[in-house]
Amino acid sequence: MGINTESDITANIQIGPTDLGMVRIFVEADGIEIPMDFDPEEADEIAEEIKAAAIAARALKTG
């Protein structure tokens, strides 16, 4: 499955700080739980990538 492959899988995502000073992205789908911890600098980089992808997606929709 690639980034452009559509799927009928639904998932929940939660994002927040942990008590150890990490940022956790927690994904739950079909009974599977995936906790992913990042240091704050990595989380900033992920946030920048998400914003860049949103900008690119908007450009595709309006182009």
PDB file of N, CA and C in Angstrom:
ATOM      1  N   MET A   1       0.848  -1.172   0.000  1.00  0.00           N
ATOM      2  CA  MET A   1       0.000   0.000   0.000  1.00  0.00           C
ATOM      3  C   MET A   1       0.893   1.235   0.000  1.00  0.00           C
ATOM      4  N   GLY A   2       0.635   2.143  -0.911  1.00  0.00           N
ATOM      5  CA  GLY A   2       1.414   3.364  -0.996  1.00  0.00           C
ATOM      6  C   GLY A   2       0.624   4.567  -0.524  1.00  0.00           C
ATOM      7  N   ILE A   3       1.239   5.700  -0.577  1.00  0.00           N
ATOM      8  CA  ILE A   3       0.625   6.932  -0.077  1.00  0.00           C
ATOM      9  C   ILE A   3      -0.622   7.318  -0.879  1.00  0.00           C
ATOM     10  N   ASN A   4      -0.688   6.920  -2.149  1.00  0.00           N
ATOM     11  CA  ASN A   4      -1.836   7.268  -2.988  1.00  0.00           C
ATOM     12  C   ASN A   4      -2.870   6.158  -3.094  1.00  0.00           C
ATOM     13  N   THR A   5      -2.700   5.076  -2.348  1.00  0.00           N
ATOM     14  CA  THR A   5      -3.650   3.974  -2.375  1.00  0.00           C
ATOM     15  C   THR A   5      -4.772   4.245  -1.379  1.00  0.00           C
ATOM     16  N   GLU A   6      -6.022   4.254  -1.875  1.00  0.00           N
ATOM     17  CA  GLU A   6      -7.158   4.474  -0.988  1.00  0.00           C
ATOM     18  C   GLU A   6      -7.432   3.226  -0.176  1.00  0.00           C
ATOM     19  N   SER A   7      -8.063   3.416   0.991  1.00  0.00           N
ATOM     20  CA  SER A   7      -8.338   2.305   1.896  1.00  0.00           C
ATOM     21  C   SER A   7      -9.661   2.555   2.622  1.00  0.00           C
ATOM     22  N   ASP A   8     -10.327   1.476   3.004  1.00  0.00           N
ATOM     23  CA  ASP A   8     -11.559   1.572   3.785  1.00  0.00           C
ATOM     24  C   ASP A   8     -11.291   1.450   5.282  1.00  0.00           C
ATOM     25  N   ILE A   9     -10.031   1.373   5.668  1.00  0.00           N
ATOM     26  CA  ILE A   9      -9.683   1.257   7.078  1.00  0.00           C
ATOM     27  C   ILE A   9      -9.907   2.595   7.771  1.00  0.00           C
ATOM     28  N   THR A  10     -10.593   2.558   8.888  1.00  0.00           N
ATOM     29  CA  THR A  10     -10.755   3.771   9.684  1.00  0.00           C
ATOM     30  C   THR A  10      -9.854   3.673  10.907  1.00  0.00           C
ATOM     31  N   ALA A  11      -9.346   4.804  11.316  1.00  0.00           N
ATOM     32  CA  ALA A  11      -8.431   4.833  12.451  1.00  0.00           C
ATOM     33  C   ALA A  11      -8.675   6.089  13.272  1.00  0.00           C
ATOM     34  N   ASN A  12      -8.309   6.014  14.521  1.00  0.00           N
ATOM     35  CA  ASN A  12      -8.341   7.167  15.413  1.00  0.00           C
ATOM     36  C   ASN A  12      -6.908   7.567  15.699  1.00  0.00           C
ATOM     37  N   ILE A  13      -6.688   8.867  15.809  1.00  0.00           N
ATOM     38  CA  ILE A  13      -5.346   9.358  16.118  1.00  0.00           C
ATOM     39  C   ILE A  13      -5.446  10.346  17.281  1.00  0.00           C
ATOM     40  N   GLN A  14      -4.522  10.216  18.201  1.00  0.00           N
ATOM     41  CA  GLN A  14      -4.407  11.151  19.315  1.00  0.00           C
ATOM     42  C   GLN A  14      -2.961  11.628  19.355  1.00  0.00           C
ATOM     43  N   ILE A  15      -2.786  12.904  19.657  1.00  0.00           N
ATOM     44  CA  ILE A  15      -1.445  13.474  19.736  1.00  0.00           C
ATOM     45  C   ILE A  15      -1.348  14.274  21.029  1.00  0.00           C
ATOM     46  N   GLY A  16      -0.287  14.041  21.786  1.00  0.00           N
ATOM     47  CA  GLY A  16      -0.123  14.791  23.020  1.00  0.00           C
ATOM     48  C   GLY A  16       1.226  14.518  23.668  1.00  0.00           C
ATOM     49  N   PRO A  17       1.528  15.279  24.720  1.00  0.00           N
ATOM     50  CA  PRO A  17       2.803  15.088  25.423  1.00  0.00           C
ATOM     51  C   PRO A  17       2.718  13.917  26.393  1.00  0.00           C
ATOM     52  N   THR A  18       3.857  13.270  26.604  1.00  0.00           N
ATOM     53  CA  THR A  18       3.931  12.212  27.618  1.00  0.00           C
ATOM     54  C   THR A  18       4.537  12.813  28.884  1.00  0.00           C
ATOM     55  N   ASP A  19       4.466  12.056  29.956  1.00  0.00           N
ATOM     56  CA  ASP A  19       5.040  12.545  31.214  1.00  0.00           C
ATOM     57  C   ASP A  19       6.567  12.479  31.217  1.00  0.00           C
ATOM     58  N   LEU A  20       7.150  11.933  30.144  1.00  0.00           N
ATOM     59  CA  LEU A  20       8.610  11.890  30.017  1.00  0.00           C
ATOM     60  C   LEU A  20       9.150  12.969  29.080  1.00  0.00           C
ATOM     61  N   GLY A  21       8.277  13.915  28.680  1.00  0.00           N
ATOM     62  CA  GLY A  21       8.718  15.015  27.832  1.00  0.00           C
ATOM     63  C   GLY A  21       8.799  14.682  26.354  1.00  0.00           C
ATOM     64  N   MET A  22       8.142  13.612  25.945  1.00  0.00           N
ATOM     65  CA  MET A  22       8.096  13.234  24.539  1.00  0.00           C
ATOM     66  C   MET A  22       6.740  13.633  23.964  1.00  0.00           C
ATOM     67  N   VAL A  23       6.642  13.632  22.650  1.00  0.00           N
ATOM     68  CA  VAL A  23       5.361  13.845  21.981  1.00  0.00           C
ATOM     69  C   VAL A  23       4.925  12.489  21.445  1.00  0.00           C
ATOM     70  N   ARG A  24       3.727  12.074  21.814  1.00  0.00           N
ATOM     71  CA  ARG A  24       3.230  10.773  21.369  1.00  0.00           C
ATOM     72  C   ARG A  24       2.148  10.957  20.320  1.00  0.00           C
ATOM     73  N   ILE A  25       2.299  10.226  19.214  1.00  0.00           N
ATOM     74  CA  ILE A  25       1.238  10.060  18.229  1.00  0.00           C
ATOM     75  C   ILE A  25       0.728   8.649  18.448  1.00  0.00           C
ATOM     76  N   PHE A  26      -0.543   8.547  18.792  1.00  0.00           N
ATOM     77  CA  PHE A  26      -1.143   7.258  19.133  1.00  0.00           C
ATOM     78  C   PHE A  26      -2.213   6.949  18.092  1.00  0.00           C
ATOM     79  N   VAL A  27      -2.032   5.848  17.357  1.00  0.00           N
ATOM     80  CA  VAL A  27      -2.965   5.448  16.309  1.00  0.00           C
ATOM     81  C   VAL A  27      -3.624   4.144  16.716  1.00  0.00           C
ATOM     82  N   GLU A  28      -4.943   4.102  16.572  1.00  0.00           N
ATOM     83  CA  GLU A  28      -5.696   2.890  16.874  1.00  0.00           C
ATOM     84  C   GLU A  28      -6.577   2.557  15.675  1.00  0.00           C
ATOM     85  N   ALA A  29      -6.500   1.296  15.204  1.00  0.00           N
ATOM     86  CA  ALA A  29      -7.317   0.855  14.081  1.00  0.00           C
ATOM     87  C   ALA A  29      -7.533  -0.647  14.179  1.00  0.00           C
ATOM     88  N   ASP A  30      -8.770  -1.063  14.047  1.00  0.00           N
ATOM     89  CA  ASP A  30      -9.112  -2.486  14.028  1.00  0.00           C
ATOM     90  C   ASP A  30      -8.466  -3.258  15.177  1.00  0.00           C
ATOM     91  N   GLY A  31      -8.501  -2.700  16.375  1.00  0.00           N
ATOM     92  CA  GLY A  31      -7.968  -3.386  17.542  1.00  0.00           C
ATOM     93  C   GLY A  31      -6.461  -3.331  17.698  1.00  0.00           C
ATOM     94  N   ILE A  32      -5.792  -2.638  16.803  1.00  0.00           N
ATOM     95  CA  ILE A  32      -4.336  -2.491  16.880  1.00  0.00           C
ATOM     96  C   ILE A  32      -4.025  -1.096  17.407  1.00  0.00           C
ATOM     97  N   GLU A  33      -3.132  -1.011  18.367  1.00  0.00           N
ATOM     98  CA  GLU A  33      -2.715   0.275  18.921  1.00  0.00           C
ATOM     99  C   GLU A  33      -1.244   0.499  18.613  1.00  0.00           C
ATOM    100  N   ILE A  34      -0.923   1.680  18.060  1.00  0.00           N
ATOM    101  CA  ILE A  34       0.462   1.988  17.708  1.00  0.00           C
ATOM    102  C   ILE A  34       0.853   3.295  18.390  1.00  0.00           C
ATOM    103  N   PRO A  35       1.612   3.217  19.481  1.00  0.00           N
ATOM    104  CA  PRO A  35       2.133   4.436  20.108  1.00  0.00           C
ATOM    105  C   PRO A  35       3.493   4.768  19.503  1.00  0.00           C
ATOM    106  N   MET A  36       3.655   6.003  19.059  1.00  0.00           N
ATOM    107  CA  MET A  36       4.928   6.443  18.486  1.00  0.00           C
ATOM    108  C   MET A  36       5.381   7.679  19.249  1.00  0.00           C
ATOM    109  N   ASP A  37       6.545   7.600  19.893  1.00  0.00           N
ATOM    110  CA  ASP A  37       7.067   8.710  20.683  1.00  0.00           C
ATOM    111  C   ASP A  37       8.201   9.411  19.933  1.00  0.00           C
ATOM    112  N   PHE A  38       8.178  10.741  20.007  1.00  0.00           N
ATOM    113  CA  PHE A  38       9.176  11.574  19.336  1.00  0.00           C
ATOM    114  C   PHE A  38       9.662  12.633  20.309  1.00  0.00           C
ATOM    115  N   ASP A  39      10.941  12.992  20.194  1.00  0.00           N
ATOM    116  CA  ASP A  39      11.382  14.120  21.002  1.00  0.00           C
ATOM    117  C   ASP A  39      10.777  15.385  20.388  1.00  0.00           C
ATOM    118  N   PRO A  40      10.706  16.475  21.142  1.00  0.00           N
ATOM    119  CA  PRO A  40      10.034  17.677  20.642  1.00  0.00           C
ATOM    120  C   PRO A  40      10.582  18.191  19.308  1.00  0.00           C
ATOM    121  N   GLU A  41      11.884  18.065  19.081  1.00  0.00           N
ATOM    122  CA  GLU A  41      12.455  18.538  17.819  1.00  0.00           C
ATOM    123  C   GLU A  41      11.955  17.695  16.642  1.00  0.00           C
ATOM    124  N   GLU A  42      11.886  16.380  16.843  1.00  0.00           N
ATOM    125  CA  GLU A  42      11.341  15.506  15.797  1.00  0.00           C
ATOM    126  C   GLU A  42       9.870  15.830  15.542  1.00  0.00           C
ATOM    127  N   ALA A  43       9.129  16.098  16.599  1.00  0.00           N
ATOM    128  CA  ALA A  43       7.718  16.437  16.458  1.00  0.00           C
ATOM    129  C   ALA A  43       7.552  17.725  15.662  1.00  0.00           C
ATOM    130  N   ASP A  44       8.429  18.713  15.897  1.00  0.00           N
ATOM    131  CA  ASP A  44       8.394  19.946  15.109  1.00  0.00           C
ATOM    132  C   ASP A  44       8.611  19.655  13.629  1.00  0.00           C
ATOM    133  N   GLU A  45       9.565  18.759  13.324  1.00  0.00           N
ATOM    134  CA  GLU A  45       9.841  18.398  11.933  1.00  0.00           C
ATOM    135  C   GLU A  45       8.630  17.709  11.300  1.00  0.00           C
ATOM    136  N   ILE A  46       7.973  16.831  12.047  1.00  0.00           N
ATOM    137  CA  ILE A  46       6.778  16.153  11.544  1.00  0.00           C
ATOM    138  C   ILE A  46       5.673  17.170  11.269  1.00  0.00           C
ATOM    139  N   ALA A  47       5.504  18.112  12.188  1.00  0.00           N
ATOM    140  CA  ALA A  47       4.482  19.151  12.008  1.00  0.00           C
ATOM    141  C   ALA A  47       4.757  19.968  10.750  1.00  0.00           C
ATOM    142  N   GLU A  48       6.018  20.290  10.501  1.00  0.00           N
ATOM    143  CA  GLU A  48       6.372  21.035   9.287  1.00  0.00           C
ATOM    144  C   GLU A  48       6.070  20.219   8.033  1.00  0.00           C
ATOM    145  N   GLU A  49       6.333  18.917   8.078  1.00  0.00           N
ATOM    146  CA  GLU A  49       6.034  18.053   6.937  1.00  0.00           C
ATOM    147  C   GLU A  49       4.530  17.973   6.686  1.00  0.00           C
ATOM    148  N   ILE A  50       3.745  17.906   7.751  1.00  0.00           N
ATOM    149  CA  ILE A  50       2.287  17.869   7.606  1.00  0.00           C
ATOM    150  C   ILE A  50       1.791  19.174   6.995  1.00  0.00           C
ATOM    151  N   LYS A  51       2.306  20.304   7.472  1.00  0.00           N
ATOM    152  CA  LYS A  51       1.893  21.599   6.904  1.00  0.00           C
ATOM    153  C   LYS A  51       2.273  21.693   5.427  1.00  0.00           C
ATOM    154  N   ALA A  52       3.471  21.243   5.068  1.00  0.00           N
ATOM    155  CA  ALA A  52       3.902  21.288   3.670  1.00  0.00           C
ATOM    156  C   ALA A  52       3.008  20.398   2.806  1.00  0.00           C
ATOM    157  N   ALA A  53       2.624  19.234   3.316  1.00  0.00           N
ATOM    158  CA  ALA A  53       1.742  18.342   2.569  1.00  0.00           C
ATOM    159  C   ALA A  53       0.356  18.966   2.394  1.00  0.00           C
ATOM    160  N   ALA A  54      -0.132  19.661   3.420  1.00  0.00           N
ATOM    161  CA  ALA A  54      -1.435  20.327   3.317  1.00  0.00           C
ATOM    162  C   ALA A  54      -1.398  21.425   2.258  1.00  0.00           C
ATOM    163  N   ILE A  55      -0.315  22.182   2.224  1.00  0.00           N
ATOM    164  CA  ILE A  55      -0.167  23.228   1.210  1.00  0.00           C
ATOM    165  C   ILE A  55      -0.143  22.614  -0.185  1.00  0.00           C
ATOM    166  N   ALA A  56       0.604  21.526  -0.355  1.00  0.00           N
ATOM    167  CA  ALA A  56       0.686  20.856  -1.653  1.00  0.00           C
ATOM    168  C   ALA A  56      -0.666  20.280  -2.058  1.00  0.00           C
ATOM    169  N   ALA A  57      -1.402  19.713  -1.110  1.00  0.00           N
ATOM    170  CA  ALA A  57      -2.726  19.150  -1.409  1.00  0.00           C
ATOM    171  C   ALA A  57      -3.696  20.232  -1.835  1.00  0.00           C
ATOM    172  N   ARG A  58      -3.646  21.388  -1.170  1.00  0.00           N
ATOM    173  CA  ARG A  58      -4.511  22.509  -1.571  1.00  0.00           C
ATOM    174  C   ARG A  58      -4.204  22.955  -2.992  1.00  0.00           C
ATOM    175  N   ALA A  59      -2.921  23.011  -3.318  1.00  0.00           N
ATOM    176  CA  ALA A  59      -2.504  23.436  -4.660  1.00  0.00           C
ATOM    177  C   ALA A  59      -3.032  22.472  -5.723  1.00  0.00           C
ATOM    178  N   LEU A  60      -3.052  21.178  -5.409  1.00  0.00           N
ATOM    179  CA  LEU A  60      -3.583  20.182  -6.348  1.00  0.00           C
ATOM    180  C   LEU A  60      -5.084  20.336  -6.543  1.00  0.00           C
ATOM    181  N   LYS A  61      -5.805  20.655  -5.468  1.00  0.00           N
ATOM    182  CA  LYS A  61      -7.265  20.815  -5.539  1.00  0.00           C
ATOM    183  C   LYS A  61      -7.668  22.046  -6.337  1.00  0.00           C
ATOM    184  N   THR A  62      -6.914  23.126  -6.197  1.00  0.00           N
ATOM    185  CA  THR A  62      -7.282  24.373  -6.862  1.00  0.00           C
ATOM    186  C   THR A  62      -6.630  24.518  -8.239  1.00  0.00           C
ATOM    187  N   GLY A  63      -5.665  23.643  -8.556  1.00  0.00           N
ATOM    188  CA  GLY A  63      -4.919  23.754  -9.794  1.00  0.00           C
ATOM    189  C   GLY A  63      -5.561  23.132 -10.961  1.00  0.00           C
TER     190      GLY A  63
END
